[in-house]
Amino acid sequence: MHIIDSHQHFWKYDAVRDAWITEEMAVLQRDFLPSELAGIYQEEGIAGCVAVQADQSLYETLFLVGLAAEHDFIRGVVGWVDFRADNIHEELEKMVSFPVVKGFRHIIQAENADVFLQNEKFCQGIGLLAQFDFTYDLLVYARQLPVYARQLPAARRFVHQFPHQAFVLDHGGKPDIRSIIASGGKVFEHEQFICWKNEIDLLAQFPNVCCKLSGFITEADWGCWTKEDITPFVDVLLEAFGPSRLMVGSDWPVCLLAAKAEEHVLYPVSAWVEQLSINEQQQIYSGTATSFYRLY
């Protein structure tokens, strides 16, 4: 089975720049570079990946471009540019000169999504993406945050403005799997699950939006999650988006916060995908990512 990992990261660890990596996440406080991931991919039969930004800087984008030039299994890069900049058109024109750059992302989960996604200059910049054939990754939380409130409704209102722009929702919108499972009872009856599902169903109505099956174990209980904890959430995404708009991603190395050493980097999503038909598996394992990011 041909597999493309649609979501992973590289970095040279810097304690100041990477302050988001707290002591609770100490396993991530080191360098993570292609040589390490290449060995994992070879063992697990993964053909290539899309490297996604983890820092909001032009340096980050050029860093990933440089790594892709040295390692051909990096098939695409999702970088960062400042869409609020006055010279955003020129910046995007420059990015076209790097064919490995397929799209862009901002870590919206760290922002007030209602304000950030409606910023006039940001939206003007996003409106330029389609003419350059660039994609956009949406990284938002579904959980109830103390300051920013739920972000999926803001993402839906944002997507509505750009019917011709290709979007992908990272990590299934980051449902709060840990809290939902910990509360006990039937998952499908939990208020947070219902709220997340309703927003997913609404967002999936936009045909220009795809979704990544990634990041679930880090939204679950790091120490004692099971694949059964993840299954109800992945089931919702399959029903909402269908195989042609779903793609697998490891979220390596962030997945190491919760992954067990003996497991495939795409587990437990791979255990779920393999219950589908061969055609559906191939679509989710590589077809959607290949077409969405133009990994030809």
C-alpha atoms as a PDB file:
ATOM      1  CA  MET A   1       0.000   0.000   0.000  1.00  0.00           C
ATOM      2  CA  HIS A   2       1.436   3.376  -1.052  1.00  0.00           C
ATOM      3  CA  ILE A   3       1.428   5.710   1.979  1.00  0.00           C
ATOM      4  CA  ILE A   4       2.006   9.457   2.231  1.00  0.00           C
ATOM      5  CA  ASP A   5       2.322  11.002   5.685  1.00  0.00           C
ATOM      6  CA  SER A   6       0.453  14.270   5.165  1.00  0.00           C
ATOM      7  CA  HIS A   7       1.506  15.939   8.405  1.00  0.00           C
ATOM      8  CA  GLN A   8       4.812  15.930  10.283  1.00  0.00           C
ATOM      9  CA  HIS A   9       7.396  18.429  11.520  1.00  0.00           C
ATOM     10  CA  PHE A  10      11.138  19.022  11.690  1.00  0.00           C
ATOM     11  CA  TRP A  11      13.018  21.365  13.970  1.00  0.00           C
ATOM     12  CA  LYS A  12      16.355  22.167  15.538  1.00  0.00           C
ATOM     13  CA  TYR A  13      15.303  22.691  19.106  1.00  0.00           C
ATOM     14  CA  ASP A  14      15.646  26.189  20.525  1.00  0.00           C
ATOM     15  CA  ALA A  15      14.370  26.694  24.091  1.00  0.00           C
ATOM     16  CA  VAL A  16      13.361  30.317  23.476  1.00  0.00           C
ATOM     17  CA  ARG A  17      11.741  29.944  20.074  1.00  0.00           C
ATOM     18  CA  ASP A  18      10.134  26.638  20.990  1.00  0.00           C
ATOM     19  CA  ALA A  19       8.769  27.733  24.356  1.00  0.00           C
ATOM     20  CA  TRP A  20       5.497  25.979  23.476  1.00  0.00           C
ATOM     21  CA  ILE A  21       7.324  22.735  24.250  1.00  0.00           C
ATOM     22  CA  THR A  22       6.793  22.720  28.012  1.00  0.00           C
ATOM     23  CA  GLU A  23       8.453  20.506  30.616  1.00  0.00           C
ATOM     24  CA  GLU A  24       5.428  18.227  30.385  1.00  0.00           C
ATOM     25  CA  MET A  25       6.503  17.708  26.761  1.00  0.00           C
ATOM     26  CA  ALA A  26      10.202  17.197  27.556  1.00  0.00           C
ATOM     27  CA  VAL A  27      10.454  14.282  25.103  1.00  0.00           C
ATOM     28  CA  LEU A  28      10.227  16.903  22.315  1.00  0.00           C
ATOM     29  CA  GLN A  29      13.023  19.111  23.667  1.00  0.00           C
ATOM     30  CA  ARG A  30      15.622  18.005  21.130  1.00  0.00           C
ATOM     31  CA  ASP A  31      16.302  18.134  17.401  1.00  0.00           C
ATOM     32  CA  PHE A  32      14.019  16.192  15.050  1.00  0.00           C
ATOM     33  CA  LEU A  33      15.470  15.971  11.543  1.00  0.00           C
ATOM     34  CA  PRO A  34      14.927  13.988   8.317  1.00  0.00           C
ATOM     35  CA  SER A  35      17.621  11.377   8.937  1.00  0.00           C
ATOM     36  CA  GLU A  36      15.672  10.049  11.922  1.00  0.00           C
ATOM     37  CA  LEU A  37      12.319  10.047  10.172  1.00  0.00           C
ATOM     38  CA  ALA A  38      13.722   8.449   7.008  1.00  0.00           C
ATOM     39  CA  GLY A  39      14.683   5.371   9.004  1.00  0.00           C
ATOM     40  CA  ILE A  40      11.214   5.134  10.542  1.00  0.00           C
ATOM     41  CA  TYR A  41       9.580   5.475   7.136  1.00  0.00           C
ATOM     42  CA  GLN A  42      11.784   2.792   5.644  1.00  0.00           C
ATOM     43  CA  GLU A  43      10.827   0.361   8.410  1.00  0.00           C
ATOM     44  CA  GLU A  44       7.135   1.145   8.115  1.00  0.00           C
ATOM     45  CA  GLY A  45       6.764   1.388   4.340  1.00  0.00           C
ATOM     46  CA  ILE A  46       5.889   5.078   4.104  1.00  0.00           C
ATOM     47  CA  ALA A  47       6.834   6.552   0.721  1.00  0.00           C
ATOM     48  CA  GLY A  48       6.983  10.235   1.574  1.00  0.00           C
ATOM     49  CA  CYS A  49       5.623  13.111   3.600  1.00  0.00           C
ATOM     50  CA  VAL A  50       4.473  16.692   3.777  1.00  0.00           C
ATOM     51  CA  ALA A  51       6.553  18.763   6.212  1.00  0.00           C
ATOM     52  CA  VAL A  52       4.408  21.331   8.044  1.00  0.00           C
ATOM     53  CA  GLN A  53       5.564  24.516   9.749  1.00  0.00           C
ATOM     54  CA  ALA A  54       5.817  24.660  13.540  1.00  0.00           C
ATOM     55  CA  ASP A  55       7.128  28.234  13.819  1.00  0.00           C
ATOM     56  CA  GLN A  56       5.678  31.495  12.500  1.00  0.00           C
ATOM     57  CA  SER A  57       8.617  32.754  10.465  1.00  0.00           C
ATOM     58  CA  LEU A  58       9.912  32.970   6.935  1.00  0.00           C
ATOM     59  CA  TYR A  59      13.069  31.289   8.234  1.00  0.00           C
ATOM     60  CA  GLU A  60      10.957  28.234   9.080  1.00  0.00           C
ATOM     61  CA  THR A  61       9.650  27.991   5.520  1.00  0.00           C
ATOM     62  CA  LEU A  62      13.129  28.269   4.005  1.00  0.00           C
ATOM     63  CA  PHE A  63      14.463  25.771   6.565  1.00  0.00           C
ATOM     64  CA  LEU A  64      11.899  23.192   5.409  1.00  0.00           C
ATOM     65  CA  VAL A  65      12.586  23.989   1.742  1.00  0.00           C
ATOM     66  CA  GLY A  66      16.272  23.362   2.376  1.00  0.00           C
ATOM     67  CA  LEU A  67      15.579  20.016   4.026  1.00  0.00           C
ATOM     68  CA  ALA A  68      13.366  18.984   1.101  1.00  0.00           C
ATOM     69  CA  ALA A  69      16.190  19.775  -1.319  1.00  0.00           C
ATOM     70  CA  GLU A  70      18.387  17.294   0.558  1.00  0.00           C
ATOM     71  CA  HIS A  71      15.794  14.559   1.164  1.00  0.00           C
ATOM     72  CA  ASP A  72      13.538  13.526  -1.683  1.00  0.00           C
ATOM     73  CA  PHE A  73      11.049  11.731   0.574  1.00  0.00           C
ATOM     74  CA  ILE A  74       9.876  15.212   1.659  1.00  0.00           C
ATOM     75  CA  ARG A  75       7.362  15.612  -1.162  1.00  0.00           C
ATOM     76  CA  GLY A  76       5.830  18.906  -0.064  1.00  0.00           C
ATOM     77  CA  VAL A  77       6.166  21.775   2.407  1.00  0.00           C
ATOM     78  CA  VAL A  78       3.422  23.695   4.196  1.00  0.00           C
ATOM     79  CA  GLY A  79       5.180  26.890   5.200  1.00  0.00           C
ATOM     80  CA  TRP A  80       4.361  30.244   6.746  1.00  0.00           C
ATOM     81  CA  VAL A  81       4.149  33.767   5.392  1.00  0.00           C
ATOM     82  CA  ASP A  82       2.614  36.847   6.965  1.00  0.00           C
ATOM     83  CA  PHE A  83      -0.667  37.258   5.124  1.00  0.00           C
ATOM     84  CA  ARG A  84      -1.174  40.618   6.817  1.00  0.00           C
ATOM     85  CA  ALA A  85       1.967  42.068   5.211  1.00  0.00           C
ATOM     86  CA  ASP A  86       1.616  44.877   2.693  1.00  0.00           C
ATOM     87  CA  ASN A  87       3.875  42.987   0.265  1.00  0.00           C
ATOM     88  CA  ILE A  88       2.090  39.635   0.534  1.00  0.00           C
ATOM     89  CA  HIS A  89       1.576  39.376  -3.239  1.00  0.00           C
ATOM     90  CA  GLU A  90       5.325  39.704  -3.793  1.00  0.00           C
ATOM     91  CA  GLU A  91       6.034  37.185  -1.036  1.00  0.00           C
ATOM     92  CA  LEU A  92       3.748  34.626  -2.646  1.00  0.00           C
ATOM     93  CA  GLU A  93       5.362  35.238  -6.019  1.00  0.00           C
ATOM     94  CA  LYS A  94       8.722  34.422  -4.426  1.00  0.00           C
ATOM     95  CA  MET A  95       7.332  31.213  -2.968  1.00  0.00           C
ATOM     96  CA  VAL A  96       6.258  30.020  -6.410  1.00  0.00           C
ATOM     97  CA  SER A  97       9.967  29.672  -7.218  1.00  0.00           C
ATOM     98  CA  PHE A  98      10.097  26.786  -4.712  1.00  0.00           C
ATOM     99  CA  PRO A  99       7.949  24.032  -6.281  1.00  0.00           C
ATOM    100  CA  VAL A 100       8.089  21.956  -3.090  1.00  0.00           C
ATOM    101  CA  VAL A 101       6.094  24.655  -1.255  1.00  0.00           C
ATOM    102  CA  LYS A 102       2.495  23.524  -1.620  1.00  0.00           C
ATOM    103  CA  GLY A 103       0.699  25.743   0.858  1.00  0.00           C
ATOM    104  CA  PHE A 104       0.761  27.639   4.119  1.00  0.00           C
ATOM    105  CA  ARG A 105      -0.451  27.553   7.708  1.00  0.00           C
ATOM    106  CA  HIS A 106      -0.757  29.752  10.757  1.00  0.00           C
ATOM    107  CA  ILE A 107      -1.142  28.347  14.280  1.00  0.00           C
ATOM    108  CA  ILE A 108      -4.633  29.741  14.700  1.00  0.00           C
ATOM    109  CA  GLN A 109      -5.215  27.681  17.837  1.00  0.00           C
ATOM    110  CA  ALA A 110      -2.982  30.184  19.644  1.00  0.00           C
ATOM    111  CA  GLU A 111      -5.055  33.154  18.429  1.00  0.00           C
ATOM    112  CA  ASN A 112      -8.485  34.600  19.072  1.00  0.00           C
ATOM    113  CA  ALA A 113      -9.895  32.864  16.011  1.00  0.00           C
ATOM    114  CA  ASP A 114     -12.958  35.099  15.650  1.00  0.00           C
ATOM    115  CA  VAL A 115     -10.714  38.155  15.449  1.00  0.00           C
ATOM    116  CA  PHE A 116      -7.754  36.660  13.579  1.00  0.00           C
ATOM    117  CA  LEU A 117      -9.728  34.926  10.826  1.00  0.00           C
ATOM    118  CA  GLN A 118     -11.754  38.063  10.114  1.00  0.00           C
ATOM    119  CA  ASN A 119      -8.766  40.413   9.977  1.00  0.00           C
ATOM    120  CA  GLU A 120      -9.176  42.385   6.752  1.00  0.00           C
ATOM    121  CA  LYS A 121      -5.548  42.233   5.656  1.00  0.00           C
ATOM    122  CA  PHE A 122      -5.269  38.535   6.538  1.00  0.00           C
ATOM    123  CA  CYS A 123      -8.345  37.749   4.451  1.00  0.00           C
ATOM    124  CA  GLN A 124      -7.039  39.799   1.550  1.00  0.00           C
ATOM    125  CA  GLY A 125      -3.852  37.759   1.655  1.00  0.00           C
ATOM    126  CA  ILE A 126      -5.716  34.461   1.785  1.00  0.00           C
ATOM    127  CA  GLY A 127      -7.745  35.642  -1.200  1.00  0.00           C
ATOM    128  CA  LEU A 128      -4.532  35.615  -3.277  1.00  0.00           C
ATOM    129  CA  LEU A 129      -3.698  31.950  -2.654  1.00  0.00           C
ATOM    130  CA  ALA A 130      -5.939  30.416  -5.299  1.00  0.00           C
ATOM    131  CA  GLN A 131      -4.318  32.331  -8.135  1.00  0.00           C
ATOM    132  CA  PHE A 132      -0.972  30.771  -7.143  1.00  0.00           C
ATOM    133  CA  ASP A 133      -2.532  27.318  -6.610  1.00  0.00           C
ATOM    134  CA  PHE A 134      -1.454  27.212  -2.955  1.00  0.00           C
ATOM    135  CA  THR A 135      -3.369  25.304  -0.274  1.00  0.00           C
ATOM    136  CA  TYR A 136      -4.143  26.381   3.294  1.00  0.00           C
ATOM    137  CA  ASP A 137      -4.035  24.252   6.467  1.00  0.00           C
ATOM    138  CA  LEU A 138      -6.537  25.179   9.184  1.00  0.00           C
ATOM    139  CA  LEU A 139      -5.215  24.490  12.689  1.00  0.00           C
ATOM    140  CA  VAL A 140      -7.962  25.169  15.219  1.00  0.00           C
ATOM    141  CA  TYR A 141      -9.204  23.705  18.497  1.00  0.00           C
ATOM    142  CA  ALA A 142     -12.663  22.263  18.978  1.00  0.00           C
ATOM    143  CA  ARG A 143     -12.299  22.328  22.746  1.00  0.00           C
ATOM    144  CA  GLN A 144     -13.726  25.056  24.956  1.00  0.00           C
ATOM    145  CA  LEU A 145     -10.811  27.367  25.706  1.00  0.00           C
ATOM    146  CA  PRO A 146     -10.910  29.801  28.630  1.00  0.00           C
ATOM    147  CA  VAL A 147     -10.150  32.810  26.456  1.00  0.00           C
ATOM    148  CA  TYR A 148     -10.758  32.069  22.812  1.00  0.00           C
ATOM    149  CA  ALA A 149     -13.913  29.929  22.910  1.00  0.00           C
ATOM    150  CA  ARG A 150     -14.511  27.216  20.362  1.00  0.00           C
ATOM    151  CA  GLN A 151     -12.742  27.852  17.079  1.00  0.00           C
ATOM    152  CA  LEU A 152     -14.527  25.584  14.587  1.00  0.00           C
ATOM    153  CA  PRO A 153     -17.429  28.027  14.054  1.00  0.00           C
ATOM    154  CA  ALA A 154     -14.897  30.779  13.289  1.00  0.00           C
ATOM    155  CA  ALA A 155     -13.149  28.460  10.814  1.00  0.00           C
ATOM    156  CA  ARG A 156     -16.461  27.698   9.127  1.00  0.00           C
ATOM    157  CA  ARG A 157     -17.290  31.398   8.711  1.00  0.00           C
ATOM    158  CA  PHE A 158     -13.796  31.949   7.349  1.00  0.00           C
ATOM    159  CA  VAL A 159     -14.006  29.129   4.788  1.00  0.00           C
ATOM    160  CA  HIS A 160     -17.372  30.436   3.599  1.00  0.00           C
ATOM    161  CA  GLN A 161     -15.609  33.541   2.259  1.00  0.00           C
ATOM    162  CA  PHE A 162     -13.306  31.565  -0.052  1.00  0.00           C
ATOM    163  CA  PRO A 163     -15.263  28.992  -2.085  1.00  0.00           C
ATOM    164  CA  HIS A 164     -12.408  28.484  -4.566  1.00  0.00           C
ATOM    165  CA  GLN A 165      -9.620  28.042  -2.034  1.00  0.00           C
ATOM    166  CA  ALA A 166      -8.372  24.554  -1.137  1.00  0.00           C
ATOM    167  CA  PHE A 167      -8.426  24.073   2.655  1.00  0.00           C
ATOM    168  CA  VAL A 168      -7.544  21.139   4.883  1.00  0.00           C
ATOM    169  CA  LEU A 169      -8.574  20.840   8.522  1.00  0.00           C
ATOM    170  CA  ASP A 170      -5.637  19.655  10.615  1.00  0.00           C
ATOM    171  CA  HIS A 171      -6.127  16.902  13.209  1.00  0.00           C
ATOM    172  CA  GLY A 172      -9.875  16.635  12.686  1.00  0.00           C
ATOM    173  CA  GLY A 173     -10.369  20.010  14.353  1.00  0.00           C
ATOM    174  CA  LYS A 174      -8.708  18.738  17.567  1.00  0.00           C
ATOM    175  CA  PRO A 175     -11.694  17.373  19.515  1.00  0.00           C
ATOM    176  CA  ASP A 176     -11.173  17.136  23.274  1.00  0.00           C
ATOM    177  CA  ILE A 177     -10.935  13.353  23.306  1.00  0.00           C
ATOM    178  CA  ARG A 178      -9.365  13.210  26.766  1.00  0.00           C
ATOM    179  CA  SER A 179     -12.218  15.038  28.508  1.00  0.00           C
ATOM    180  CA  ILE A 180     -14.930  13.251  26.582  1.00  0.00           C
ATOM    181  CA  ILE A 181     -13.574   9.783  27.359  1.00  0.00           C
ATOM    182  CA  ALA A 182     -12.794  10.673  30.994  1.00  0.00           C
ATOM    183  CA  SER A 183     -16.363  11.797  31.619  1.00  0.00           C
ATOM    184  CA  GLY A 184     -17.629   8.239  31.051  1.00  0.00           C
ATOM    185  CA  GLY A 185     -20.897   7.248  29.452  1.00  0.00           C
ATOM    186  CA  LYS A 186     -21.594   6.899  25.750  1.00  0.00           C
ATOM    187  CA  VAL A 187     -19.278   9.036  23.643  1.00  0.00           C
ATOM    188  CA  PHE A 188     -21.991   9.804  21.080  1.00  0.00           C
ATOM    189  CA  GLU A 189     -24.188  11.266  23.805  1.00  0.00           C
ATOM    190  CA  HIS A 190     -21.560  13.579  25.275  1.00  0.00           C
ATOM    191  CA  GLU A 191     -22.362  17.275  24.801  1.00  0.00           C
ATOM    192  CA  GLN A 192     -18.832  18.147  23.646  1.00  0.00           C
ATOM    193  CA  PHE A 193     -18.823  15.280  21.141  1.00  0.00           C
ATOM    194  CA  ILE A 194     -22.203  16.342  19.733  1.00  0.00           C
ATOM    195  CA  CYS A 195     -21.062  19.939  19.433  1.00  0.00           C
ATOM    196  CA  TRP A 196     -17.825  18.921  17.654  1.00  0.00           C
ATOM    197  CA  LYS A 197     -19.709  16.550  15.331  1.00  0.00           C
ATOM    198  CA  ASN A 198     -22.238  19.211  14.385  1.00  0.00           C
ATOM    199  CA  GLU A 199     -19.475  21.647  13.476  1.00  0.00           C
ATOM    200  CA  ILE A 200     -17.615  18.977  11.484  1.00  0.00           C
ATOM    201  CA  ASP A 201     -20.792  18.174   9.547  1.00  0.00           C
ATOM    202  CA  LEU A 202     -21.274  21.854   8.731  1.00  0.00           C
ATOM    203  CA  LEU A 203     -17.667  22.377   7.676  1.00  0.00           C
ATOM    204  CA  ALA A 204     -17.712  19.257   5.507  1.00  0.00           C
ATOM    205  CA  GLN A 205     -20.546  20.777   3.465  1.00  0.00           C
ATOM    206  CA  PHE A 206     -17.912  22.956   1.803  1.00  0.00           C
ATOM    207  CA  PRO A 207     -16.514  20.789  -1.013  1.00  0.00           C
ATOM    208  CA  ASN A 208     -13.208  22.685  -1.012  1.00  0.00           C
ATOM    209  CA  VAL A 209     -12.368  21.457   2.514  1.00  0.00           C
ATOM    210  CA  CYS A 210     -10.451  18.241   3.219  1.00  0.00           C
ATOM    211  CA  CYS A 211      -9.473  16.822   6.607  1.00  0.00           C
ATOM    212  CA  LYS A 212      -6.426  15.147   8.154  1.00  0.00           C
ATOM    213  CA  LEU A 213      -6.724  11.984  10.230  1.00  0.00           C
ATOM    214  CA  SER A 214      -3.903  12.987  12.523  1.00  0.00           C
ATOM    215  CA  GLY A 215      -3.078  14.213  15.998  1.00  0.00           C
ATOM    216  CA  PHE A 216      -5.757  12.217  17.805  1.00  0.00           C
ATOM    217  CA  ILE A 217      -3.602  10.494  20.399  1.00  0.00           C
ATOM    218  CA  THR A 218      -2.214  13.797  21.651  1.00  0.00           C
ATOM    219  CA  GLU A 219      -5.795  14.984  22.224  1.00  0.00           C
ATOM    220  CA  ALA A 220      -6.487  11.770  24.161  1.00  0.00           C
ATOM    221  CA  ASP A 221      -5.005  10.682  27.499  1.00  0.00           C
ATOM    222  CA  TRP A 222      -1.293  10.361  26.726  1.00  0.00           C
ATOM    223  CA  GLY A 223      -0.752   7.561  29.205  1.00  0.00           C
ATOM    224  CA  CYS A 224      -3.705   5.238  28.684  1.00  0.00           C
ATOM    225  CA  TRP A 225      -5.535   5.910  25.408  1.00  0.00           C
ATOM    226  CA  THR A 226      -6.806   3.031  23.298  1.00  0.00           C
ATOM    227  CA  LYS A 227      -7.716   2.814  19.639  1.00  0.00           C
ATOM    228  CA  GLU A 228     -11.313   2.375  20.753  1.00  0.00           C
ATOM    229  CA  ASP A 229     -11.121   5.900  22.228  1.00  0.00           C
ATOM    230  CA  ILE A 230     -10.225   7.269  18.801  1.00  0.00           C
ATOM    231  CA  THR A 231     -12.642   5.267  16.641  1.00  0.00           C
ATOM    232  CA  PRO A 232     -15.862   7.291  17.240  1.00  0.00           C
ATOM    233  CA  PHE A 233     -14.122  10.487  16.168  1.00  0.00           C
ATOM    234  CA  VAL A 234     -12.646   8.977  13.017  1.00  0.00           C
ATOM    235  CA  ASP A 235     -16.042   7.456  12.182  1.00  0.00           C
ATOM    236  CA  VAL A 236     -17.592  10.926  12.242  1.00  0.00           C
ATOM    237  CA  LEU A 237     -14.922  12.290   9.911  1.00  0.00           C
ATOM    238  CA  LEU A 238     -15.370   9.438   7.421  1.00  0.00           C
ATOM    239  CA  GLU A 239     -19.119   9.962   7.332  1.00  0.00           C
ATOM    240  CA  ALA A 240     -18.732  13.724   6.952  1.00  0.00           C
ATOM    241  CA  PHE A 241     -15.880  13.971   4.435  1.00  0.00           C
ATOM    242  CA  GLY A 242     -15.698  10.557   2.761  1.00  0.00           C
ATOM    243  CA  PRO A 243     -12.422   8.858   1.720  1.00  0.00           C
ATOM    244  CA  SER A 244     -11.760  11.285  -1.144  1.00  0.00           C
ATOM    245  CA  ARG A 245     -11.358  14.172   1.310  1.00  0.00           C
ATOM    246  CA  LEU A 246      -9.472  12.396   4.102  1.00  0.00           C
ATOM    247  CA  MET A 247      -5.701  11.923   4.428  1.00  0.00           C
ATOM    248  CA  VAL A 248      -3.547  10.267   7.104  1.00  0.00           C
ATOM    249  CA  GLY A 249      -0.862  12.108   9.043  1.00  0.00           C
ATOM    250  CA  SER A 250       1.447  11.075  11.869  1.00  0.00           C
ATOM    251  CA  ASP A 251       2.035  14.484  13.479  1.00  0.00           C
ATOM    252  CA  TRP A 252       5.571  13.228  14.164  1.00  0.00           C
ATOM    253  CA  PRO A 253       7.351  14.041  16.428  1.00  0.00           C
ATOM    254  CA  VAL A 254       4.475  15.525  18.467  1.00  0.00           C
ATOM    255  CA  CYS A 255       2.862  12.079  18.421  1.00  0.00           C
ATOM    256  CA  LEU A 256       5.739  10.861  20.622  1.00  0.00           C
ATOM    257  CA  LEU A 257       4.011  12.502  23.569  1.00  0.00           C
ATOM    258  CA  ALA A 258       1.517   9.654  23.540  1.00  0.00           C
ATOM    259  CA  ALA A 259       2.790   7.006  21.111  1.00  0.00           C
ATOM    260  CA  LYS A 260       4.056   3.655  22.293  1.00  0.00           C
ATOM    261  CA  ALA A 261       7.526   2.807  21.027  1.00  0.00           C
ATOM    262  CA  GLU A 262       6.503  -0.417  19.304  1.00  0.00           C
ATOM    263  CA  GLU A 263       3.699   1.164  17.303  1.00  0.00           C
ATOM    264  CA  HIS A 264       3.603   2.376  13.716  1.00  0.00           C
ATOM    265  CA  VAL A 265       3.688   6.193  13.565  1.00  0.00           C
ATOM    266  CA  LEU A 266       0.253   6.168  11.925  1.00  0.00           C
ATOM    267  CA  TYR A 267      -1.305   3.928  14.569  1.00  0.00           C
ATOM    268  CA  PRO A 268      -4.161   3.889  15.620  1.00  0.00           C
ATOM    269  CA  VAL A 269      -5.527   5.504  12.454  1.00  0.00           C
ATOM    270  CA  SER A 270      -3.962   2.749  10.348  1.00  0.00           C
ATOM    271  CA  ALA A 271      -5.818   0.090  12.365  1.00  0.00           C
ATOM    272  CA  TRP A 272      -9.071   1.881  11.557  1.00  0.00           C
ATOM    273  CA  VAL A 273      -8.282   2.542   7.864  1.00  0.00           C
ATOM    274  CA  GLU A 274      -7.441  -1.091   7.211  1.00  0.00           C
ATOM    275  CA  GLN A 275     -11.052  -2.064   7.907  1.00  0.00           C
ATOM    276  CA  LEU A 276     -12.124  -0.191   4.741  1.00  0.00           C
ATOM    277  CA  SER A 277     -12.064  -1.359   1.137  1.00  0.00           C
ATOM    278  CA  ILE A 278      -8.766  -1.376  -0.751  1.00  0.00           C
ATOM    279  CA  ASN A 279      -9.845   1.612  -2.864  1.00  0.00           C
ATOM    280  CA  GLU A 280     -10.894   3.573   0.223  1.00  0.00           C
ATOM    281  CA  GLN A 281      -7.643   2.724   1.972  1.00  0.00           C
ATOM    282  CA  GLN A 282      -5.573   3.883  -0.990  1.00  0.00           C
ATOM    283  CA  GLN A 283      -7.482   7.145  -1.158  1.00  0.00           C
ATOM    284  CA  ILE A 284      -6.943   7.900   2.529  1.00  0.00           C
ATOM    285  CA  TYR A 285      -3.365   6.608   2.657  1.00  0.00           C
ATOM    286  CA  SER A 286      -2.113   8.588  -0.331  1.00  0.00           C
ATOM    287  CA  GLY A 287      -4.676   9.581  -2.980  1.00  0.00           C
ATOM    288  CA  THR A 288      -6.197  12.554  -1.164  1.00  0.00           C
ATOM    289  CA  ALA A 289      -2.862  13.982  -0.018  1.00  0.00           C
ATOM    290  CA  THR A 290      -1.327  13.519  -3.465  1.00  0.00           C
ATOM    291  CA  SER A 291      -4.107  15.377  -5.249  1.00  0.00           C
ATOM    292  CA  PHE A 292      -4.631  18.046  -2.577  1.00  0.00           C
ATOM    293  CA  TYR A 293      -0.957  18.976  -2.277  1.00  0.00           C
ATOM    294  CA  ARG A 294      -0.106  18.179  -5.916  1.00  0.00           C
ATOM    295  CA  LEU A 295       2.608  15.690  -5.002  1.00  0.00           C
ATOM    296  CA  TYR A 296       3.160  14.560  -8.579  1.00  0.00           C
END
